[in-house]
């Protein structure tokens, strides 16, 4: 599925950049990060990940996002896993489950956007 977890120094660099883009301090608590993402994200229409026929590629297209070849899955805000774009498009439903309390946050090398799937399955996007 994924290509692997990034080394700690790279995770720290990307985390710091994302926190800055979210307007948060580098030592922001996970709850503050979650709240800011919820606050800033705009719904991608009426799209939910558990809807029949959900297609992440269509979500990107409707949001006007052209993702790079490598996508990053930021989970728990302490680890970042890498995925080839096509692998993530096909396996996003394996990362998110309705039973899990965690949200799924995805971005690419541009760090120009963050796509989020909250614990209810609602899909949203933040543009930086």
N, C-alpha and C. Protein backbone atom coordinates (compact mmCIF):
# COMPACT_ATOMS: atom_id res chain seq x y z
N UNK A 1 0.84 -1.18 0.00
CA UNK A 1 0.00 0.00 0.00
C UNK A 1 0.89 1.24 0.00
N UNK A 2 1.35 1.70 1.15
CA UNK A 2 2.18 2.89 1.22
C UNK A 2 3.63 2.58 0.93
N UNK A 3 4.40 3.63 0.69
CA UNK A 3 5.83 3.46 0.42
C UNK A 3 6.63 3.43 1.71
N UNK A 4 6.05 3.89 2.82
CA UNK A 4 6.75 3.84 4.09
C UNK A 4 6.55 5.11 4.89
N UNK A 5 7.09 5.09 6.10
CA UNK A 5 7.01 6.23 7.00
C UNK A 5 8.27 7.06 6.84
N UNK A 6 8.11 8.37 6.80
CA UNK A 6 9.26 9.26 6.67
C UNK A 6 10.12 9.22 7.92
N UNK A 7 11.43 9.46 7.77
CA UNK A 7 12.30 9.55 8.94
C UNK A 7 11.92 10.75 9.81
N UNK A 8 12.20 10.64 11.10
CA UNK A 8 11.81 11.67 12.07
C UNK A 8 12.22 13.08 11.67
N UNK A 9 13.46 13.33 11.20
CA UNK A 9 13.81 14.71 10.83
C UNK A 9 12.92 15.28 9.72
N UNK A 10 12.56 14.45 8.75
CA UNK A 10 11.68 14.91 7.66
C UNK A 10 10.27 15.16 8.18
N UNK A 11 9.79 14.29 9.06
CA UNK A 11 8.47 14.49 9.68
C UNK A 11 8.44 15.81 10.43
N UNK A 12 9.49 16.07 11.21
CA UNK A 12 9.55 17.31 12.00
C UNK A 12 9.57 18.54 11.09
N UNK A 13 10.29 18.45 9.96
CA UNK A 13 10.34 19.58 9.03
C UNK A 13 8.97 19.84 8.41
N UNK A 14 8.32 18.79 7.92
CA UNK A 14 7.00 18.95 7.31
C UNK A 14 5.96 19.39 8.34
N UNK A 15 6.03 18.82 9.53
CA UNK A 15 5.10 19.19 10.60
C UNK A 15 5.25 20.67 10.92
N UNK A 16 6.49 21.14 11.06
CA UNK A 16 6.73 22.56 11.37
C UNK A 16 6.17 23.45 10.26
N UNK A 17 6.38 23.06 9.01
CA UNK A 17 5.86 23.85 7.89
C UNK A 17 4.33 23.89 7.91
N UNK A 18 3.71 22.74 8.11
CA UNK A 18 2.25 22.69 8.15
C UNK A 18 1.69 23.48 9.33
N UNK A 19 2.33 23.38 10.49
CA UNK A 19 1.86 24.15 11.65
C UNK A 19 1.96 25.64 11.38
N UNK A 20 3.04 26.06 10.73
CA UNK A 20 3.19 27.48 10.38
C UNK A 20 2.07 27.89 9.43
N UNK A 21 1.81 27.06 8.42
CA UNK A 21 0.75 27.38 7.45
C UNK A 21 -0.63 27.42 8.12
N UNK A 22 -0.79 26.63 9.18
CA UNK A 22 -2.04 26.64 9.93
C UNK A 22 -2.09 27.76 10.96
N UNK A 23 -0.98 28.50 11.10
CA UNK A 23 -0.93 29.60 12.06
C UNK A 23 -0.78 29.13 13.50
N UNK A 24 -0.11 27.99 13.68
CA UNK A 24 0.07 27.43 15.02
C UNK A 24 1.54 27.41 15.40
N UNK A 25 1.80 27.42 16.69
CA UNK A 25 3.16 27.33 17.21
C UNK A 25 3.70 25.92 16.99
N UNK A 26 5.01 25.80 16.95
CA UNK A 26 5.64 24.50 16.70
C UNK A 26 5.36 23.47 17.79
N UNK A 27 4.97 23.94 18.96
CA UNK A 27 4.67 23.01 20.06
C UNK A 27 3.16 22.85 20.28
N UNK A 28 2.38 23.14 19.25
CA UNK A 28 0.92 23.06 19.37
C UNK A 28 0.49 21.64 19.74
N UNK A 29 -0.46 21.57 20.63
CA UNK A 29 -1.01 20.28 21.05
C UNK A 29 -1.82 19.67 19.91
N UNK A 30 -1.86 18.34 19.83
CA UNK A 30 -2.67 17.70 18.79
C UNK A 30 -4.12 18.20 18.76
N UNK A 31 -4.69 18.48 19.91
CA UNK A 31 -6.07 18.98 19.94
C UNK A 31 -6.18 20.35 19.26
N UNK A 32 -5.14 21.19 19.41
CA UNK A 32 -5.14 22.50 18.76
C UNK A 32 -5.02 22.35 17.24
N UNK A 33 -4.22 21.38 16.81
CA UNK A 33 -4.07 21.12 15.37
C UNK A 33 -5.41 20.64 14.80
N UNK A 34 -6.03 19.70 15.47
CA UNK A 34 -7.32 19.18 15.03
C UNK A 34 -8.35 20.30 14.94
N UNK A 35 -8.42 21.13 15.96
CA UNK A 35 -9.39 22.22 15.97
C UNK A 35 -9.14 23.18 14.80
N UNK A 36 -7.86 23.52 14.56
CA UNK A 36 -7.53 24.46 13.48
C UNK A 36 -7.88 23.88 12.13
N UNK A 37 -7.60 22.59 11.93
CA UNK A 37 -7.95 21.96 10.66
C UNK A 37 -9.47 21.98 10.47
N UNK A 38 -10.21 21.65 11.52
CA UNK A 38 -11.68 21.67 11.43
C UNK A 38 -12.18 23.08 11.14
N UNK A 39 -11.54 24.06 11.75
CA UNK A 39 -11.94 25.46 11.60
C UNK A 39 -11.67 25.98 10.19
N UNK A 40 -10.54 25.59 9.62
CA UNK A 40 -10.11 26.13 8.33
C UNK A 40 -10.61 25.35 7.12
N UNK A 41 -10.98 24.09 7.31
CA UNK A 41 -11.34 23.29 6.13
C UNK A 41 -12.71 23.67 5.60
N UNK A 42 -12.78 23.67 4.29
CA UNK A 42 -14.03 23.94 3.56
C UNK A 42 -14.55 22.61 3.04
N UNK A 43 -15.83 22.32 3.24
CA UNK A 43 -16.36 21.06 2.73
C UNK A 43 -16.20 20.95 1.22
N UNK A 44 -15.89 19.76 0.76
CA UNK A 44 -15.79 19.49 -0.68
C UNK A 44 -17.17 19.05 -1.16
N UNK A 45 -18.07 20.01 -1.23
CA UNK A 45 -19.44 19.69 -1.59
C UNK A 45 -20.09 18.89 -0.48
N UNK A 46 -20.92 17.96 -0.87
CA UNK A 46 -21.61 17.11 0.09
C UNK A 46 -21.01 15.72 0.05
N UNK A 47 -19.68 15.65 -0.05
CA UNK A 47 -18.99 14.39 -0.25
C UNK A 47 -18.63 13.75 1.09
N UNK A 48 -18.95 12.47 1.21
CA UNK A 48 -18.49 11.68 2.35
C UNK A 48 -17.77 10.45 1.82
N UNK A 49 -16.74 10.05 2.55
CA UNK A 49 -15.89 8.95 2.09
C UNK A 49 -16.64 7.62 2.05
N UNK A 50 -17.67 7.48 2.86
CA UNK A 50 -18.39 6.21 2.89
C UNK A 50 -19.58 6.15 1.93
N UNK A 51 -19.72 7.18 1.09
CA UNK A 51 -20.79 7.19 0.09
C UNK A 51 -20.48 6.17 -1.01
N UNK A 52 -21.51 5.51 -1.54
CA UNK A 52 -21.28 4.59 -2.65
C UNK A 52 -20.61 5.33 -3.81
N UNK A 53 -19.61 4.71 -4.40
CA UNK A 53 -18.94 5.30 -5.55
C UNK A 53 -17.96 6.40 -5.20
N UNK A 54 -17.60 6.55 -3.91
CA UNK A 54 -16.63 7.59 -3.54
C UNK A 54 -15.36 7.42 -4.36
N UNK A 55 -14.86 8.53 -4.90
CA UNK A 55 -13.66 8.52 -5.73
C UNK A 55 -12.81 9.73 -5.35
N UNK A 56 -11.67 9.47 -4.71
CA UNK A 56 -10.80 10.55 -4.27
C UNK A 56 -10.30 11.38 -5.44
N UNK A 57 -10.08 10.75 -6.58
CA UNK A 57 -9.66 11.48 -7.77
C UNK A 57 -10.68 12.54 -8.17
N UNK A 58 -11.96 12.19 -8.09
CA UNK A 58 -13.02 13.17 -8.39
C UNK A 58 -13.04 14.29 -7.37
N UNK A 59 -12.78 13.96 -6.11
CA UNK A 59 -12.74 14.99 -5.07
C UNK A 59 -11.64 16.00 -5.39
N UNK A 60 -10.45 15.49 -5.73
CA UNK A 60 -9.35 16.39 -6.11
C UNK A 60 -9.76 17.27 -7.29
N UNK A 61 -10.35 16.65 -8.30
CA UNK A 61 -10.74 17.39 -9.50
C UNK A 61 -11.75 18.48 -9.17
N UNK A 62 -12.78 18.16 -8.40
CA UNK A 62 -13.80 19.15 -8.04
C UNK A 62 -13.23 20.27 -7.19
N UNK A 63 -12.21 19.96 -6.39
CA UNK A 63 -11.58 20.98 -5.54
C UNK A 63 -10.54 21.78 -6.31
N UNK A 64 -10.27 21.40 -7.56
CA UNK A 64 -9.27 22.11 -8.36
C UNK A 64 -7.85 21.80 -7.93
N UNK A 65 -7.65 20.63 -7.33
CA UNK A 65 -6.33 20.22 -6.86
C UNK A 65 -5.73 19.23 -7.85
N UNK A 66 -4.51 19.48 -8.26
CA UNK A 66 -3.76 18.55 -9.09
C UNK A 66 -2.63 18.01 -8.21
N UNK A 67 -2.86 16.86 -7.56
CA UNK A 67 -1.86 16.36 -6.63
C UNK A 67 -0.60 15.88 -7.34
N UNK A 68 0.52 16.06 -6.67
CA UNK A 68 1.79 15.58 -7.19
C UNK A 68 1.84 14.05 -7.17
N UNK A 69 2.94 13.47 -7.65
CA UNK A 69 3.04 12.01 -7.73
C UNK A 69 3.15 11.33 -6.37
N UNK A 70 3.63 12.06 -5.36
CA UNK A 70 3.76 11.50 -4.02
C UNK A 70 2.82 12.24 -3.08
N UNK A 71 2.03 11.48 -2.35
CA UNK A 71 1.12 12.06 -1.36
C UNK A 71 1.54 11.62 0.03
N UNK A 72 1.23 12.45 0.99
CA UNK A 72 1.60 12.18 2.37
C UNK A 72 0.36 12.07 3.23
N UNK A 73 0.35 11.08 4.08
CA UNK A 73 -0.75 10.84 5.02
C UNK A 73 -0.21 11.17 6.40
N UNK A 74 -0.76 12.24 6.97
CA UNK A 74 -0.30 12.77 8.25
C UNK A 74 -1.25 12.25 9.31
N UNK A 75 -0.83 11.23 10.03
CA UNK A 75 -1.73 10.65 11.03
C UNK A 75 -1.14 10.80 12.43
N UNK A 76 -1.97 11.18 13.35
CA UNK A 76 -1.51 11.35 14.71
C UNK A 76 -0.56 12.52 14.89
N UNK A 77 -0.27 13.22 13.81
CA UNK A 77 0.61 14.38 13.79
C UNK A 77 2.02 14.08 14.27
N UNK A 78 2.34 12.79 14.41
CA UNK A 78 3.70 12.40 14.79
C UNK A 78 4.36 11.57 13.72
N UNK A 79 3.57 11.01 12.81
CA UNK A 79 4.10 10.19 11.73
C UNK A 79 3.52 10.66 10.41
N UNK A 80 4.31 10.54 9.37
CA UNK A 80 3.85 10.86 8.03
C UNK A 80 4.26 9.71 7.11
N UNK A 81 3.27 9.09 6.49
CA UNK A 81 3.51 8.00 5.55
C UNK A 81 3.43 8.54 4.13
N UNK A 82 4.22 7.94 3.25
CA UNK A 82 4.22 8.36 1.85
C UNK A 82 3.48 7.32 1.00
N UNK A 83 2.82 7.83 -0.03
CA UNK A 83 2.07 6.99 -0.96
C UNK A 83 2.28 7.50 -2.37
N UNK A 84 2.37 6.58 -3.32
CA UNK A 84 2.23 6.98 -4.71
C UNK A 84 0.79 7.45 -4.87
N UNK A 85 0.59 8.48 -5.67
CA UNK A 85 -0.75 9.04 -5.84
C UNK A 85 -1.79 7.97 -6.17
N UNK A 86 -1.50 7.13 -7.13
CA UNK A 86 -2.48 6.12 -7.56
C UNK A 86 -2.78 5.12 -6.44
N UNK A 87 -1.76 4.76 -5.65
CA UNK A 87 -1.99 3.84 -4.54
C UNK A 87 -2.94 4.45 -3.51
N UNK A 88 -2.75 5.73 -3.21
CA UNK A 88 -3.62 6.37 -2.23
C UNK A 88 -5.03 6.54 -2.77
N UNK A 89 -5.15 6.87 -4.05
CA UNK A 89 -6.48 7.00 -4.64
C UNK A 89 -7.27 5.70 -4.50
N UNK A 90 -6.57 4.58 -4.62
CA UNK A 90 -7.25 3.28 -4.54
C UNK A 90 -7.43 2.79 -3.11
N UNK A 91 -6.62 3.28 -2.16
CA UNK A 91 -6.66 2.69 -0.82
C UNK A 91 -7.10 3.65 0.28
N UNK A 92 -7.58 4.84 -0.05
CA UNK A 92 -7.95 5.82 0.97
C UNK A 92 -8.98 5.26 1.94
N UNK A 93 -9.87 4.43 1.46
CA UNK A 93 -10.90 3.86 2.35
C UNK A 93 -10.31 2.89 3.37
N UNK A 94 -9.11 2.37 3.11
CA UNK A 94 -8.46 1.50 4.09
C UNK A 94 -7.85 2.31 5.22
N UNK A 95 -7.54 3.57 4.97
CA UNK A 95 -6.95 4.43 6.00
C UNK A 95 -8.01 5.00 6.93
N UNK A 96 -9.19 5.22 6.39
CA UNK A 96 -10.28 5.81 7.18
C UNK A 96 -11.33 4.75 7.45
N UNK A 97 -11.73 4.62 8.70
CA UNK A 97 -12.85 3.75 9.03
C UNK A 97 -13.77 4.50 9.98
N UNK A 98 -15.03 4.21 9.91
CA UNK A 98 -16.00 4.92 10.76
C UNK A 98 -15.79 4.60 12.23
N UNK A 99 -15.17 3.48 12.53
CA UNK A 99 -14.95 3.11 13.93
C UNK A 99 -13.76 3.83 14.55
N UNK A 100 -12.87 4.34 13.72
CA UNK A 100 -11.67 5.01 14.23
C UNK A 100 -11.98 6.47 14.54
N UNK A 101 -11.46 6.97 15.66
CA UNK A 101 -11.72 8.37 16.01
C UNK A 101 -10.84 9.35 15.24
N UNK A 102 -9.83 8.84 14.55
CA UNK A 102 -8.86 9.72 13.90
C UNK A 102 -9.35 10.20 12.54
N UNK A 103 -8.94 11.41 12.21
CA UNK A 103 -9.19 11.96 10.89
C UNK A 103 -8.05 11.54 9.97
N UNK A 104 -8.27 11.66 8.68
CA UNK A 104 -7.23 11.39 7.69
C UNK A 104 -6.88 12.72 7.04
N UNK A 105 -5.61 13.08 7.08
CA UNK A 105 -5.14 14.33 6.48
C UNK A 105 -4.08 14.00 5.44
N UNK A 106 -4.25 14.53 4.23
CA UNK A 106 -3.39 14.21 3.10
C UNK A 106 -2.91 15.50 2.45
N UNK A 107 -1.65 15.52 2.02
CA UNK A 107 -1.10 16.67 1.30
C UNK A 107 -0.02 16.16 0.35
N UNK A 108 0.52 17.06 -0.49
CA UNK A 108 1.60 16.67 -1.39
C UNK A 108 2.81 17.57 -1.18
N UNK A 109 3.82 17.42 -2.06
CA UNK A 109 5.07 18.17 -1.92
C UNK A 109 4.90 19.67 -1.99
N UNK A 110 3.83 20.15 -2.61
CA UNK A 110 3.66 21.60 -2.74
C UNK A 110 3.31 22.25 -1.41
N UNK A 111 2.74 21.47 -0.49
CA UNK A 111 2.23 22.00 0.79
C UNK A 111 1.30 23.18 0.55
N UNK A 112 0.60 23.14 -0.58
CA UNK A 112 -0.32 24.21 -0.94
C UNK A 112 -1.76 23.91 -0.56
N UNK A 113 -2.01 22.70 -0.09
CA UNK A 113 -3.36 22.28 0.28
C UNK A 113 -3.27 21.12 1.26
N UNK A 114 -4.37 20.90 1.96
CA UNK A 114 -4.50 19.76 2.85
C UNK A 114 -5.92 19.24 2.70
N UNK A 115 -6.05 17.98 2.35
CA UNK A 115 -7.36 17.36 2.24
C UNK A 115 -7.59 16.57 3.52
N UNK A 116 -8.75 16.73 4.12
CA UNK A 116 -9.03 16.07 5.38
C UNK A 116 -10.34 15.30 5.30
N UNK A 117 -10.34 14.14 5.92
CA UNK A 117 -11.57 13.36 6.08
C UNK A 117 -11.78 13.24 7.58
N UNK A 118 -12.85 13.86 8.08
CA UNK A 118 -13.06 13.84 9.53
C UNK A 118 -13.65 12.51 9.98
N UNK A 119 -13.82 12.38 11.28
CA UNK A 119 -14.28 11.11 11.85
C UNK A 119 -15.69 10.72 11.42
N UNK A 120 -16.45 11.67 10.86
CA UNK A 120 -17.79 11.35 10.35
C UNK A 120 -17.77 10.94 8.88
N UNK A 121 -16.61 11.12 8.23
CA UNK A 121 -16.49 10.80 6.81
C UNK A 121 -16.60 12.00 5.89
N UNK A 122 -16.88 13.18 6.46
CA UNK A 122 -16.99 14.41 5.65
C UNK A 122 -15.61 14.78 5.10
N UNK A 123 -15.55 15.11 3.84
CA UNK A 123 -14.30 15.46 3.17
C UNK A 123 -14.21 16.98 3.06
N UNK A 124 -13.07 17.53 3.47
CA UNK A 124 -12.85 18.97 3.40
C UNK A 124 -11.47 19.28 2.87
N UNK A 125 -11.24 20.54 2.56
CA UNK A 125 -9.96 20.96 1.98
C UNK A 125 -9.55 22.32 2.55
N UNK A 126 -8.27 22.47 2.76
CA UNK A 126 -7.69 23.75 3.16
C UNK A 126 -6.70 24.14 2.07
N UNK A 127 -6.78 25.36 1.61
CA UNK A 127 -5.80 25.90 0.66
C UNK A 127 -4.88 26.83 1.42
N UNK A 128 -3.59 26.66 1.22
CA UNK A 128 -2.61 27.54 1.89
C UNK A 128 -2.10 28.58 0.92
